Amino acid sequence: MTNKSKEIGKLNALNAKSAAKSFRSSLVLEDLEAVSVADFLRQLSLDDEGRQRAEEEEVKRRNADVLEAIAKAIEATKSRAEAQRRREEEEERRRQQILEQERQRVSLFITKF
């Protein structure tokens, strides 16, 4: 073989090695890309789950606040109703006292005559 043939053979061998390395590197890069995409999608899913949990917690908190406000409104209504009932009972007691006083005056008036 001639020197030129040997050089061509060496270049072809180097070219084949380089092509093999490039192919392996390409496969590694594709694997890395697949892993990166999978990690990215997993992170998106986790972010969505976190956001959904946060929204659910916010809804629960708002519902609890609403229920608390309703309970306070009910309690205030009960208190006003109780106060009204006591006022009405007190008015009835006074009315009964006035009637009793009137009866006593009438009865004193009748007994005098």
C-alpha atoms as a PDB file:
ATOM      1  CA  MET A   1       0.000   0.000   0.000  1.00  0.00           C
ATOM      2  CA  THR A   2       1.047   3.421  -0.650  1.00  0.00           C
ATOM      3  CA  ASN A   3       1.404   6.155   1.759  1.00  0.00           C
ATOM      4  CA  LYS A   4      -1.632   7.878   0.310  1.00  0.00           C
ATOM      5  CA  SER A   5      -3.753   4.750   0.786  1.00  0.00           C
ATOM      6  CA  LYS A   6      -2.580   4.436   4.365  1.00  0.00           C
ATOM      7  CA  GLU A   7      -3.494   8.062   5.027  1.00  0.00           C
ATOM      8  CA  ILE A   8      -6.888   7.567   3.435  1.00  0.00           C
ATOM      9  CA  GLY A   9      -7.430   4.446   5.552  1.00  0.00           C
ATOM     10  CA  LYS A  10      -6.455   6.333   8.725  1.00  0.00           C
ATOM     11  CA  LEU A  11      -8.759   9.215   7.785  1.00  0.00           C
ATOM     12  CA  ASN A  12     -11.594   6.800   7.061  1.00  0.00           C
ATOM     13  CA  ALA A  13     -11.008   5.087  10.432  1.00  0.00           C
ATOM     14  CA  LEU A  14     -10.942   8.451  12.228  1.00  0.00           C
ATOM     15  CA  ASN A  15     -14.044   9.506  10.336  1.00  0.00           C
ATOM     16  CA  ALA A  16     -15.812   6.280  11.351  1.00  0.00           C
ATOM     17  CA  LYS A  17     -14.755   6.762  15.003  1.00  0.00           C
ATOM     18  CA  SER A  18     -15.946  10.374  14.873  1.00  0.00           C
ATOM     19  CA  ALA A  19     -19.239   9.318  13.324  1.00  0.00           C
ATOM     20  CA  ALA A  20     -19.697   6.659  16.013  1.00  0.00           C
ATOM     21  CA  LYS A  21     -18.897   9.203  18.737  1.00  0.00           C
ATOM     22  CA  SER A  22     -21.297  11.695  17.171  1.00  0.00           C
ATOM     23  CA  PHE A  23     -23.991   9.032  16.993  1.00  0.00           C
ATOM     24  CA  ARG A  24     -23.449   8.065  20.663  1.00  0.00           C
ATOM     25  CA  SER A  25     -23.432  11.751  21.631  1.00  0.00           C
ATOM     26  CA  SER A  26     -26.613  12.233  19.651  1.00  0.00           C
ATOM     27  CA  LEU A  27     -28.256   9.320  21.490  1.00  0.00           C
ATOM     28  CA  VAL A  28     -27.102  10.713  24.836  1.00  0.00           C
ATOM     29  CA  LEU A  29     -28.467  14.147  23.917  1.00  0.00           C
ATOM     30  CA  GLU A  30     -31.776  12.620  22.866  1.00  0.00           C
ATOM     31  CA  ASP A  31     -31.959  10.765  26.197  1.00  0.00           C
ATOM     32  CA  LEU A  32     -31.138  13.977  28.034  1.00  0.00           C
ATOM     33  CA  GLU A  33     -33.797  15.820  26.062  1.00  0.00           C
ATOM     34  CA  ALA A  34     -36.345  13.110  26.858  1.00  0.00           C
ATOM     35  CA  VAL A  35     -35.431  13.261  30.550  1.00  0.00           C
ATOM     36  CA  SER A  36     -35.564  17.046  30.501  1.00  0.00           C
ATOM     37  CA  VAL A  37     -38.966  17.059  28.825  1.00  0.00           C
ATOM     38  CA  ALA A  38     -40.232  14.436  31.279  1.00  0.00           C
ATOM     39  CA  ASP A  39     -38.880  16.467  34.208  1.00  0.00           C
ATOM     40  CA  PHE A  40     -40.432  19.618  32.805  1.00  0.00           C
ATOM     41  CA  LEU A  41     -43.817  17.921  32.383  1.00  0.00           C
ATOM     42  CA  ARG A  42     -43.559  16.434  35.877  1.00  0.00           C
ATOM     43  CA  GLN A  43     -42.780  19.881  37.293  1.00  0.00           C
ATOM     44  CA  LEU A  44     -45.743  21.370  35.425  1.00  0.00           C
ATOM     45  CA  SER A  45     -47.952  18.671  36.874  1.00  0.00           C
ATOM     46  CA  LEU A  46     -46.635  19.328  40.379  1.00  0.00           C
ATOM     47  CA  ASP A  47     -47.158  23.065  39.896  1.00  0.00           C
ATOM     48  CA  ASP A  48     -50.732  22.448  38.741  1.00  0.00           C
ATOM     49  CA  GLU A  49     -51.381  20.187  41.729  1.00  0.00           C
ATOM     50  CA  GLY A  50     -49.930  22.776  44.082  1.00  0.00           C
ATOM     51  CA  ARG A  51     -51.997  25.531  42.528  1.00  0.00           C
ATOM     52  CA  GLN A  52     -55.124  23.364  42.714  1.00  0.00           C
ATOM     53  CA  ARG A  53     -54.472  22.562  46.395  1.00  0.00           C
ATOM     54  CA  ALA A  54     -53.928  26.249  47.127  1.00  0.00           C
ATOM     55  CA  GLU A  55     -57.203  27.119  45.376  1.00  0.00           C
ATOM     56  CA  GLU A  56     -59.042  24.403  47.303  1.00  0.00           C
ATOM     57  CA  GLU A  57     -57.604  25.683  50.585  1.00  0.00           C
ATOM     58  CA  GLU A  58     -58.666  29.220  49.661  1.00  0.00           C
ATOM     59  CA  VAL A  59     -62.207  28.014  48.904  1.00  0.00           C
ATOM     60  CA  LYS A  60     -62.303  26.127  52.223  1.00  0.00           C
ATOM     61  CA  ARG A  61     -61.069  29.231  54.072  1.00  0.00           C
ATOM     62  CA  ARG A  62     -63.669  31.427  52.381  1.00  0.00           C
ATOM     63  CA  ASN A  63     -66.391  28.892  53.128  1.00  0.00           C
ATOM     64  CA  ALA A  64     -65.308  28.805  56.767  1.00  0.00           C
ATOM     65  CA  ASP A  65     -65.395  32.620  56.870  1.00  0.00           C
ATOM     66  CA  VAL A  66     -68.887  32.630  55.350  1.00  0.00           C
ATOM     67  CA  LEU A  67     -70.112  30.002  57.807  1.00  0.00           C
ATOM     68  CA  GLU A  68     -68.643  32.006  60.673  1.00  0.00           C
ATOM     69  CA  ALA A  69     -70.379  35.171  59.442  1.00  0.00           C
ATOM     70  CA  ILE A  70     -73.669  33.280  59.127  1.00  0.00           C
ATOM     71  CA  ALA A  71     -73.275  31.882  62.647  1.00  0.00           C
ATOM     72  CA  LYS A  72     -72.622  35.401  63.982  1.00  0.00           C
ATOM     73  CA  ALA A  73     -75.667  36.747  62.131  1.00  0.00           C
ATOM     74  CA  ILE A  74     -77.830  33.954  63.550  1.00  0.00           C
ATOM     75  CA  GLU A  75     -76.524  34.635  67.052  1.00  0.00           C
ATOM     76  CA  ALA A  76     -77.194  38.365  66.670  1.00  0.00           C
ATOM     77  CA  THR A  77     -80.724  37.635  65.428  1.00  0.00           C
ATOM     78  CA  LYS A  78     -81.327  35.320  68.378  1.00  0.00           C
ATOM     79  CA  SER A  79     -80.032  37.987  70.768  1.00  0.00           C
ATOM     80  CA  ARG A  80     -82.304  40.647  69.253  1.00  0.00           C
ATOM     81  CA  ALA A  81     -85.279  38.267  69.398  1.00  0.00           C
ATOM     82  CA  GLU A  82     -84.517  37.461  73.054  1.00  0.00           C
ATOM     83  CA  ALA A  83     -84.193  41.163  73.886  1.00  0.00           C
ATOM     84  CA  GLN A  84     -87.499  41.851  72.108  1.00  0.00           C
ATOM     85  CA  ARG A  85     -89.181  38.999  74.020  1.00  0.00           C
ATOM     86  CA  ARG A  86     -87.900  40.399  77.345  1.00  0.00           C
ATOM     87  CA  ARG A  87     -89.152  43.893  76.434  1.00  0.00           C
ATOM     88  CA  GLU A  88     -92.563  42.490  75.550  1.00  0.00           C
ATOM     89  CA  GLU A  89     -92.684  40.501  78.810  1.00  0.00           C
ATOM     90  CA  GLU A  90     -91.721  43.613  80.757  1.00  0.00           C
ATOM     91  CA  GLU A  91     -94.412  45.641  78.960  1.00  0.00           C
ATOM     92  CA  GLU A  92     -96.965  42.914  79.754  1.00  0.00           C
ATOM     93  CA  ARG A  93     -95.895  42.927  83.436  1.00  0.00           C
ATOM     94  CA  ARG A  94     -96.292  46.701  83.585  1.00  0.00           C
ATOM     95  CA  ARG A  95     -99.668  46.483  81.890  1.00  0.00           C
ATOM     96  CA  GLN A  96    -100.744  43.835  84.406  1.00  0.00           C
ATOM     97  CA  GLN A  97     -99.490  46.023  87.279  1.00  0.00           C
ATOM     98  CA  ILE A  98    -101.419  49.000  85.930  1.00  0.00           C
ATOM     99  CA  LEU A  99    -104.545  46.846  85.594  1.00  0.00           C
ATOM    100  CA  GLU A 100    -104.072  45.527  89.120  1.00  0.00           C
ATOM    101  CA  GLN A 101    -103.632  49.050  90.449  1.00  0.00           C
ATOM    102  CA  GLU A 102    -106.805  50.104  88.622  1.00  0.00           C
ATOM    103  CA  ARG A 103    -108.718  47.145  90.125  1.00  0.00           C
ATOM    104  CA  GLN A 104    -107.516  48.058  93.584  1.00  0.00           C
ATOM    105  CA  ARG A 105    -108.617  51.680  93.113  1.00  0.00           C
ATOM    106  CA  VAL A 106    -111.965  50.591  91.757  1.00  0.00           C
ATOM    107  CA  SER A 107    -112.396  48.159  94.583  1.00  0.00           C
ATOM    108  CA  LEU A 108    -111.462  50.871  97.129  1.00  0.00           C
ATOM    109  CA  PHE A 109    -113.842  53.219  95.447  1.00  0.00           C
ATOM    110  CA  ILE A 110    -116.624  50.642  95.552  1.00  0.00           C
ATOM    111  CA  THR A 111    -115.993  49.805  99.185  1.00  0.00           C
ATOM    112  CA  LYS A 112    -116.204  53.469 100.174  1.00  0.00           C
ATOM    113  CA  PHE A 113    -119.686  53.780  98.807  1.00  0.00           C
END
